[in-house]
Amino acid sequence: QGCIFKIAGDSVLIEFNSAVRAVQCAIELQRNMAKANCELPEARHIVLRIGVNLGDVIVEGSDLYGDGVNIAARLEGLAEPGGVLVSG
């Protein structure tokens, strides 16, 4: 559904050609992670925060950047653990 542009540390930057697909993917990721965590002790849970922004980006070679990427990163930082924060 999306194109992975960058994996850095514990973050992943993915571009979608549809805002609906981006949100669907984020929700599916959170649901699947919650299911996987059910079988683990709480100390071993992996908890994701996901930020989704609909905005302009610049593609240069294999890199993606611009205000759209920066806003998504800020949303991710503001999201609740296990949550998805979407720009309006």
Protein backbone atom coordinates (compact mmCIF):
# COMPACT_ATOMS: atom_id res chain seq x y z
CA GLN A 1 0.00 0.00 0.00
CA GLY A 2 2.85 2.40 0.74
CA CYS A 3 6.46 2.97 -0.22
CA ILE A 4 9.09 2.75 2.53
CA PHE A 5 11.54 5.62 2.04
CA LYS A 6 13.61 5.46 5.19
CA ILE A 7 14.25 3.36 8.28
CA ALA A 8 16.27 5.19 10.92
CA GLY A 9 16.65 3.92 14.47
CA ASP A 10 13.16 3.08 15.66
CA SER A 11 11.30 5.10 13.03
CA VAL A 12 10.00 4.33 9.56
CA LEU A 13 9.04 6.88 6.89
CA ILE A 14 6.39 5.60 4.47
CA GLU A 15 4.69 7.50 1.63
CA PHE A 16 1.15 6.63 0.52
CA ASN A 17 -0.69 7.83 -2.57
CA SER A 18 -3.90 7.95 -0.52
CA ALA A 19 -4.59 9.46 2.90
CA VAL A 20 -7.23 6.77 3.48
CA ARG A 21 -4.67 4.02 2.83
CA ALA A 22 -2.19 5.68 5.18
CA VAL A 23 -4.73 5.80 8.01
CA GLN A 24 -5.91 2.24 7.32
CA CYS A 25 -2.32 1.01 7.47
CA ALA A 26 -1.67 2.88 10.72
CA ILE A 27 -4.78 1.38 12.35
CA GLU A 28 -3.90 -2.11 11.11
CA LEU A 29 -0.34 -1.77 12.46
CA GLN A 30 -1.65 -0.75 15.88
CA ARG A 31 -4.21 -3.58 15.97
CA ASN A 32 -1.64 -6.19 14.98
CA MET A 33 0.89 -4.89 17.51
CA ALA A 34 -1.74 -5.00 20.27
CA LYS A 35 -2.51 -8.64 19.38
CA ALA A 36 1.19 -9.54 19.41
CA ASN A 37 1.67 -7.80 22.75
CA CYS A 38 -1.14 -9.84 24.35
CA GLU A 39 1.15 -12.87 24.33
CA LEU A 40 4.09 -11.07 25.94
CA PRO A 41 4.79 -9.88 29.48
CA GLU A 42 4.09 -6.15 29.78
CA ALA A 43 7.79 -5.40 30.19
CA ARG A 44 8.38 -6.78 26.67
CA HIS A 45 5.52 -4.97 24.90
CA ILE A 46 6.39 -3.01 21.79
CA VAL A 47 4.33 0.16 21.67
CA LEU A 48 4.09 2.28 18.54
CA ARG A 49 3.23 5.94 18.06
CA ILE A 50 2.13 6.84 14.54
CA GLY A 51 1.80 10.27 12.94
CA VAL A 52 -0.04 10.70 9.63
CA ASN A 53 0.05 13.98 7.71
CA LEU A 54 -1.59 14.88 4.42
CA GLY A 55 0.79 17.36 2.85
CA ASP A 56 3.30 18.17 0.17
CA VAL A 57 6.64 16.40 0.16
CA ILE A 58 9.74 16.51 -2.01
CA VAL A 59 11.12 13.32 -3.52
CA GLU A 60 14.78 13.47 -4.42
CA GLY A 61 16.37 10.20 -5.43
CA SER A 62 15.61 7.74 -2.66
CA ASP A 63 14.85 10.46 -0.09
CA LEU A 64 11.60 12.12 0.94
CA TYR A 65 11.55 15.41 2.82
CA GLY A 66 9.75 18.73 3.32
CA ASP A 67 7.12 20.23 5.61
CA GLY A 68 4.81 17.24 5.10
CA VAL A 69 7.46 14.91 6.52
CA ASN A 70 8.33 17.28 9.37
CA ILE A 71 4.69 17.61 10.43
CA ALA A 72 4.20 13.82 10.38
CA ALA A 73 7.27 13.43 12.61
CA ARG A 74 5.90 15.98 15.08
CA LEU A 75 2.51 14.24 15.11
CA GLU A 76 4.23 10.94 15.85
CA GLY A 77 5.94 12.53 18.85
CA LEU A 78 2.61 13.88 20.13
CA ALA A 79 0.65 10.64 19.63
CA GLU A 80 -0.29 8.60 22.66
CA PRO A 81 1.57 5.28 23.03
CA GLY A 82 -0.38 2.80 20.94
CA GLY A 83 -2.13 5.64 19.13
CA VAL A 84 -2.40 7.31 15.75
CA LEU A 85 -2.44 11.09 15.37
CA VAL A 86 -3.69 12.45 12.03
CA SER A 87 -3.44 16.04 10.77
CA GLY A 88 -6.72 17.75 9.96
